[in-house]
Amino acid sequence: MSIAFNKRTYAIVDTATVDELLPTEDWILDPVFDDDTRAHEVGPKFWVIDGSNIHVKTEQEIDVDSDYLEQIKGWRTQKVNDLRVAKFAGGFTDSNNIRWTTSAGDIANINAVCTLIALGVVTTNQTWRDFDNTDHTLTISQLIQLAAEMAVFGKTCYGVGWYHKTNIEALTTVTAVSAYDYTTGWPS
């Protein structure tokens, strides 16, 4: 039995079962894997084809594979972004131990009211709804304080995200990126 290996699709076929292997330049007849068992564990992404020889990358080679390293960094960075979004969706607890929502709309709304306060348009207490949909009557100074705490929360979330992304980008191995804990330091 003779086998053929397709360099583009990674298909392996018994040559006795096919009439033609086209295009011929895509096929290797009787390829030689240097580590046949491990080839199936790591898959084609980590195969290096040289003529009819197929080298299966070692763990050490995979660990510093620049393309894979960049891919892993991208995935990890997306996890940081996802966690930041989740932190915003989860709201924050202010200095009075009240949990508030912090969506983009919530932040825009409180900033708009603070602008109206600064312009002298809003001069009376305002009703503001917390994370659990409980209404609170806030004085002008309490509303400004809430906006300030909300801004610090948002800035801290972005800062922690930037910190983790910078750390991830500086890592030089797949193992280090995979092991990096991006869940620390976030505000609650």
C-alpha atoms as a PDB file:
ATOM      1  CA  MET A   1       0.000   0.000   0.000  1.00  0.00           C
ATOM      2  CA  SER A   2       1.187   3.455  -0.836  1.00  0.00           C
ATOM      3  CA  ILE A   3      -0.241   6.641   0.624  1.00  0.00           C
ATOM      4  CA  ALA A   4      -0.381  10.175  -0.666  1.00  0.00           C
ATOM      5  CA  PHE A   5      -0.528  13.345   1.403  1.00  0.00           C
ATOM      6  CA  ASN A   6      -2.131  16.577   0.171  1.00  0.00           C
ATOM      7  CA  LYS A   7      -0.058  19.634   1.194  1.00  0.00           C
ATOM      8  CA  ARG A   8      -3.050  21.978   0.952  1.00  0.00           C
ATOM      9  CA  THR A   9      -5.883  19.986   2.523  1.00  0.00           C
ATOM     10  CA  TYR A  10      -3.741  17.605   4.650  1.00  0.00           C
ATOM     11  CA  ALA A  11      -5.778  14.696   3.309  1.00  0.00           C
ATOM     12  CA  ILE A  12      -4.089  11.305   3.436  1.00  0.00           C
ATOM     13  CA  VAL A  13      -5.332   8.755   0.902  1.00  0.00           C
ATOM     14  CA  ASP A  14      -4.475   5.221  -0.119  1.00  0.00           C
ATOM     15  CA  THR A  15      -3.223   5.610  -3.697  1.00  0.00           C
ATOM     16  CA  ALA A  16      -4.906   2.315  -4.635  1.00  0.00           C
ATOM     17  CA  THR A  17      -8.299   3.977  -4.042  1.00  0.00           C
ATOM     18  CA  VAL A  18      -7.879   6.927  -6.425  1.00  0.00           C
ATOM     19  CA  ASP A  19      -7.340   7.173 -10.162  1.00  0.00           C
ATOM     20  CA  GLU A  20      -5.436  10.485 -10.222  1.00  0.00           C
ATOM     21  CA  LEU A  21      -4.001  12.901  -7.697  1.00  0.00           C
ATOM     22  CA  LEU A  22      -4.577  16.344  -9.135  1.00  0.00           C
ATOM     23  CA  PRO A  23      -3.084  18.810  -9.124  1.00  0.00           C
ATOM     24  CA  THR A  24       0.020  16.684  -8.802  1.00  0.00           C
ATOM     25  CA  GLU A  25       2.101  19.423  -7.151  1.00  0.00           C
ATOM     26  CA  ASP A  26      -0.270  19.341  -4.165  1.00  0.00           C
ATOM     27  CA  TRP A  27       0.540  15.714  -3.335  1.00  0.00           C
ATOM     28  CA  ILE A  28       3.443  13.964  -1.615  1.00  0.00           C
ATOM     29  CA  LEU A  29       3.739  10.239  -2.303  1.00  0.00           C
ATOM     30  CA  ASP A  30       4.688   8.145   0.712  1.00  0.00           C
ATOM     31  CA  PRO A  31       5.333  11.016   3.128  1.00  0.00           C
ATOM     32  CA  VAL A  32       7.595  10.370   6.103  1.00  0.00           C
ATOM     33  CA  PHE A  33       6.493  11.826   9.436  1.00  0.00           C
ATOM     34  CA  ASP A  34       9.337  12.182  11.916  1.00  0.00           C
ATOM     35  CA  ASP A  35       6.819  11.627  14.739  1.00  0.00           C
ATOM     36  CA  ASP A  36       3.714   9.952  13.326  1.00  0.00           C
ATOM     37  CA  THR A  37       1.991   9.535  16.707  1.00  0.00           C
ATOM     38  CA  ARG A  38       2.455  13.141  17.752  1.00  0.00           C
ATOM     39  CA  ALA A  39       1.460  14.416  14.298  1.00  0.00           C
ATOM     40  CA  HIS A  40      -2.136  13.466  15.039  1.00  0.00           C
ATOM     41  CA  GLU A  41      -1.991  15.118  18.475  1.00  0.00           C
ATOM     42  CA  VAL A  42      -0.875  18.552  17.314  1.00  0.00           C
ATOM     43  CA  GLY A  43      -2.389  18.528  13.834  1.00  0.00           C
ATOM     44  CA  PRO A  44      -1.294  20.063  10.524  1.00  0.00           C
ATOM     45  CA  LYS A  45      -0.818  23.547  11.952  1.00  0.00           C
ATOM     46  CA  PHE A  46       2.442  22.328  13.478  1.00  0.00           C
ATOM     47  CA  TRP A  47       3.762  20.267  10.585  1.00  0.00           C
ATOM     48  CA  VAL A  48       6.715  21.539   8.572  1.00  0.00           C
ATOM     49  CA  ILE A  49       6.814  20.000   5.079  1.00  0.00           C
ATOM     50  CA  ASP A  50      10.218  19.537   3.455  1.00  0.00           C
ATOM     51  CA  GLY A  51      10.034  17.472   0.289  1.00  0.00           C
ATOM     52  CA  SER A  52       8.489  14.143   1.309  1.00  0.00           C
ATOM     53  CA  ASN A  53       9.478  14.621   4.961  1.00  0.00           C
ATOM     54  CA  ILE A  54       7.038  16.067   7.430  1.00  0.00           C
ATOM     55  CA  HIS A  55       8.570  17.395  10.628  1.00  0.00           C
ATOM     56  CA  VAL A  56       6.203  17.548  13.590  1.00  0.00           C
ATOM     57  CA  LYS A  57       7.111  20.524  15.773  1.00  0.00           C
ATOM     58  CA  THR A  58       8.210  19.767  19.307  1.00  0.00           C
ATOM     59  CA  GLU A  59       6.571  21.412  22.310  1.00  0.00           C
ATOM     60  CA  GLN A  60       9.565  23.759  22.487  1.00  0.00           C
ATOM     61  CA  GLU A  61       9.183  24.730  18.820  1.00  0.00           C
ATOM     62  CA  ILE A  62       5.451  25.286  19.242  1.00  0.00           C
ATOM     63  CA  ASP A  63       6.091  27.382  22.349  1.00  0.00           C
ATOM     64  CA  VAL A  64       8.031  29.947  20.307  1.00  0.00           C
ATOM     65  CA  ASP A  65       6.158  29.624  16.992  1.00  0.00           C
ATOM     66  CA  SER A  66       5.700  33.318  16.133  1.00  0.00           C
ATOM     67  CA  ASP A  67       2.438  32.914  14.202  1.00  0.00           C
ATOM     68  CA  TYR A  68       0.845  30.792  16.893  1.00  0.00           C
ATOM     69  CA  LEU A  69       2.201  33.086  19.617  1.00  0.00           C
ATOM     70  CA  GLU A  70       0.525  36.089  17.962  1.00  0.00           C
ATOM     71  CA  GLN A  71      -2.717  34.122  17.598  1.00  0.00           C
ATOM     72  CA  ILE A  72      -2.688  33.150  21.292  1.00  0.00           C
ATOM     73  CA  LYS A  73      -1.915  36.755  22.270  1.00  0.00           C
ATOM     74  CA  GLY A  74      -4.891  37.895  20.194  1.00  0.00           C
ATOM     75  CA  TRP A  75      -7.180  35.394  21.912  1.00  0.00           C
ATOM     76  CA  ARG A  76      -5.920  36.427  25.356  1.00  0.00           C
ATOM     77  CA  THR A  77      -6.328  40.123  24.540  1.00  0.00           C
ATOM     78  CA  GLN A  78      -9.915  39.441  23.470  1.00  0.00           C
ATOM     79  CA  LYS A  79     -10.481  37.743  26.846  1.00  0.00           C
ATOM     80  CA  VAL A  80      -9.270  40.944  28.548  1.00  0.00           C
ATOM     81  CA  ASN A  81     -11.724  42.979  26.436  1.00  0.00           C
ATOM     82  CA  ASP A  82     -14.542  40.549  27.237  1.00  0.00           C
ATOM     83  CA  LEU A  83     -13.800  40.793  30.960  1.00  0.00           C
ATOM     84  CA  ARG A  84     -13.789  44.601  30.792  1.00  0.00           C
ATOM     85  CA  VAL A  85     -17.178  44.544  29.083  1.00  0.00           C
ATOM     86  CA  ALA A  86     -18.464  42.109  31.738  1.00  0.00           C
ATOM     87  CA  LYS A  87     -17.209  44.420  34.502  1.00  0.00           C
ATOM     88  CA  PHE A  88     -19.152  47.309  32.998  1.00  0.00           C
ATOM     89  CA  ALA A  89     -22.245  45.117  32.607  1.00  0.00           C
ATOM     90  CA  GLY A  90     -21.952  44.084  36.269  1.00  0.00           C
ATOM     91  CA  GLY A  91     -21.997  47.660  37.506  1.00  0.00           C
ATOM     92  CA  PHE A  92     -20.067  48.985  40.485  1.00  0.00           C
ATOM     93  CA  THR A  93     -20.616  49.639  44.168  1.00  0.00           C
ATOM     94  CA  ASP A  94     -20.197  53.255  45.244  1.00  0.00           C
ATOM     95  CA  SER A  95     -18.821  54.653  48.522  1.00  0.00           C
ATOM     96  CA  ASN A  96     -22.317  54.385  50.056  1.00  0.00           C
ATOM     97  CA  ASN A  97     -22.402  50.649  49.272  1.00  0.00           C
ATOM     98  CA  ILE A  98     -25.055  51.051  46.561  1.00  0.00           C
ATOM     99  CA  ARG A  99     -24.617  49.098  43.333  1.00  0.00           C
ATOM    100  CA  TRP A 100     -25.155  51.135  40.146  1.00  0.00           C
ATOM    101  CA  THR A 101     -25.346  50.211  36.482  1.00  0.00           C
ATOM    102  CA  THR A 102     -22.478  51.355  34.277  1.00  0.00           C
ATOM    103  CA  SER A 103     -23.469  50.740  30.686  1.00  0.00           C
ATOM    104  CA  ALA A 104     -22.379  53.254  28.057  1.00  0.00           C
ATOM    105  CA  GLY A 105     -25.931  54.664  28.168  1.00  0.00           C
ATOM    106  CA  ASP A 106     -25.850  55.005  31.960  1.00  0.00           C
ATOM    107  CA  ILE A 107     -22.533  56.844  31.842  1.00  0.00           C
ATOM    108  CA  ALA A 108     -23.721  59.129  29.026  1.00  0.00           C
ATOM    109  CA  ASN A 109     -26.924  59.843  30.954  1.00  0.00           C
ATOM    110  CA  ILE A 110     -25.233  60.838  34.209  1.00  0.00           C
ATOM    111  CA  ASN A 111     -22.632  62.896  32.318  1.00  0.00           C
ATOM    112  CA  ALA A 112     -25.429  64.714  30.480  1.00  0.00           C
ATOM    113  CA  VAL A 113     -27.179  65.532  33.760  1.00  0.00           C
ATOM    114  CA  CYS A 114     -23.871  66.759  35.247  1.00  0.00           C
ATOM    115  CA  THR A 115     -23.440  69.007  32.197  1.00  0.00           C
ATOM    116  CA  LEU A 116     -26.930  70.389  32.808  1.00  0.00           C
ATOM    117  CA  ILE A 117     -25.999  70.950  36.470  1.00  0.00           C
ATOM    118  CA  ALA A 118     -22.847  72.822  35.404  1.00  0.00           C
ATOM    119  CA  LEU A 119     -24.938  74.987  33.054  1.00  0.00           C
ATOM    120  CA  GLY A 120     -27.417  75.742  35.843  1.00  0.00           C
ATOM    121  CA  VAL A 121     -30.310  74.026  34.057  1.00  0.00           C
ATOM    122  CA  VAL A 122     -30.711  71.303  36.700  1.00  0.00           C
ATOM    123  CA  THR A 123     -30.773  72.729  40.224  1.00  0.00           C
ATOM    124  CA  THR A 124     -32.951  70.328  42.208  1.00  0.00           C
ATOM    125  CA  ASN A 125     -32.656  66.808  43.595  1.00  0.00           C
ATOM    126  CA  GLN A 126     -32.850  64.069  40.988  1.00  0.00           C
ATOM    127  CA  THR A 127     -34.194  60.527  41.099  1.00  0.00           C
ATOM    128  CA  TRP A 128     -31.619  57.963  40.022  1.00  0.00           C
ATOM    129  CA  ARG A 129     -32.202  54.225  39.667  1.00  0.00           C
ATOM    130  CA  ASP A 130     -29.620  51.711  40.934  1.00  0.00           C
ATOM    131  CA  PHE A 131     -28.587  48.283  39.599  1.00  0.00           C
ATOM    132  CA  ASP A 132     -31.555  46.582  41.290  1.00  0.00           C
ATOM    133  CA  ASN A 133     -34.051  49.137  39.917  1.00  0.00           C
ATOM    134  CA  THR A 134     -34.489  50.896  43.257  1.00  0.00           C
ATOM    135  CA  ASP A 135     -35.020  54.648  43.007  1.00  0.00           C
ATOM    136  CA  HIS A 136     -32.779  57.006  45.011  1.00  0.00           C
ATOM    137  CA  THR A 137     -33.303  60.728  45.397  1.00  0.00           C
ATOM    138  CA  LEU A 138     -29.898  62.353  45.071  1.00  0.00           C
ATOM    139  CA  THR A 139     -28.845  65.912  45.784  1.00  0.00           C
ATOM    140  CA  ILE A 140     -26.839  67.765  43.166  1.00  0.00           C
ATOM    141  CA  SER A 141     -23.601  67.077  45.062  1.00  0.00           C
ATOM    142  CA  GLN A 142     -24.490  63.366  45.490  1.00  0.00           C
ATOM    143  CA  LEU A 143     -25.196  63.092  41.772  1.00  0.00           C
ATOM    144  CA  ILE A 144     -21.859  64.724  40.917  1.00  0.00           C
ATOM    145  CA  GLN A 145     -20.129  62.418  43.424  1.00  0.00           C
ATOM    146  CA  LEU A 146     -21.800  59.385  41.813  1.00  0.00           C
ATOM    147  CA  ALA A 147     -20.688  60.540  38.348  1.00  0.00           C
ATOM    148  CA  ALA A 148     -17.138  60.998  39.633  1.00  0.00           C
ATOM    149  CA  GLU A 149     -17.072  57.525  41.218  1.00  0.00           C
ATOM    150  CA  MET A 150     -18.540  56.041  38.055  1.00  0.00           C
ATOM    151  CA  ALA A 151     -15.833  57.766  36.001  1.00  0.00           C
ATOM    152  CA  VAL A 152     -13.104  56.422  38.298  1.00  0.00           C
ATOM    153  CA  PHE A 153     -14.596  52.936  37.989  1.00  0.00           C
ATOM    154  CA  GLY A 154     -14.623  53.185  34.174  1.00  0.00           C
ATOM    155  CA  LYS A 155     -11.116  54.630  33.987  1.00  0.00           C
ATOM    156  CA  THR A 156      -9.857  51.912  36.334  1.00  0.00           C
ATOM    157  CA  CYS A 157     -11.448  49.174  34.198  1.00  0.00           C
ATOM    158  CA  TYR A 158      -9.756  50.533  31.085  1.00  0.00           C
ATOM    159  CA  GLY A 159      -6.456  50.982  32.931  1.00  0.00           C
ATOM    160  CA  VAL A 160      -6.454  47.408  34.213  1.00  0.00           C
ATOM    161  CA  GLY A 161      -7.296  46.188  30.718  1.00  0.00           C
ATOM    162  CA  TRP A 162      -4.422  48.189  29.213  1.00  0.00           C
ATOM    163  CA  TYR A 163      -2.069  46.876  31.894  1.00  0.00           C
ATOM    164  CA  HIS A 164      -2.965  43.249  31.116  1.00  0.00           C
ATOM    165  CA  LYS A 165      -2.763  43.773  27.345  1.00  0.00           C
ATOM    166  CA  THR A 166       0.700  45.338  27.692  1.00  0.00           C
ATOM    167  CA  ASN A 167       1.841  42.401  29.820  1.00  0.00           C
ATOM    168  CA  ILE A 168       0.426  39.868  27.346  1.00  0.00           C
ATOM    169  CA  GLU A 169       2.111  41.603  24.415  1.00  0.00           C
ATOM    170  CA  ALA A 170       5.484  41.446  26.206  1.00  0.00           C
ATOM    171  CA  LEU A 171       5.341  37.666  26.706  1.00  0.00           C
ATOM    172  CA  THR A 172       7.524  35.582  24.397  1.00  0.00           C
ATOM    173  CA  THR A 173       6.169  32.032  24.637  1.00  0.00           C
ATOM    174  CA  VAL A 174       2.824  30.346  24.094  1.00  0.00           C
ATOM    175  CA  THR A 175       3.147  28.750  27.532  1.00  0.00           C
ATOM    176  CA  ALA A 176       3.628  32.130  29.226  1.00  0.00           C
ATOM    177  CA  VAL A 177       0.671  33.694  27.409  1.00  0.00           C
ATOM    178  CA  SER A 178      -1.559  30.718  28.204  1.00  0.00           C
ATOM    179  CA  ALA A 179      -0.577  30.850  31.882  1.00  0.00           C
ATOM    180  CA  TYR A 180      -0.975  34.629  32.255  1.00  0.00           C
ATOM    181  CA  ASP A 181      -3.731  35.538  34.748  1.00  0.00           C
ATOM    182  CA  TYR A 182      -5.612  38.520  33.300  1.00  0.00           C
ATOM    183  CA  THR A 183      -8.383  38.318  35.933  1.00  0.00           C
ATOM    184  CA  THR A 184      -6.517  40.182  38.683  1.00  0.00           C
ATOM    185  CA  GLY A 185      -6.729  43.855  39.635  1.00  0.00           C
ATOM    186  CA  TRP A 186     -10.207  44.628  38.324  1.00  0.00           C
ATOM    187  CA  PRO A 187     -12.498  46.890  40.366  1.00  0.00           C
ATOM    188  CA  SER A 188     -15.782  45.559  41.684  1.00  0.00           C
END
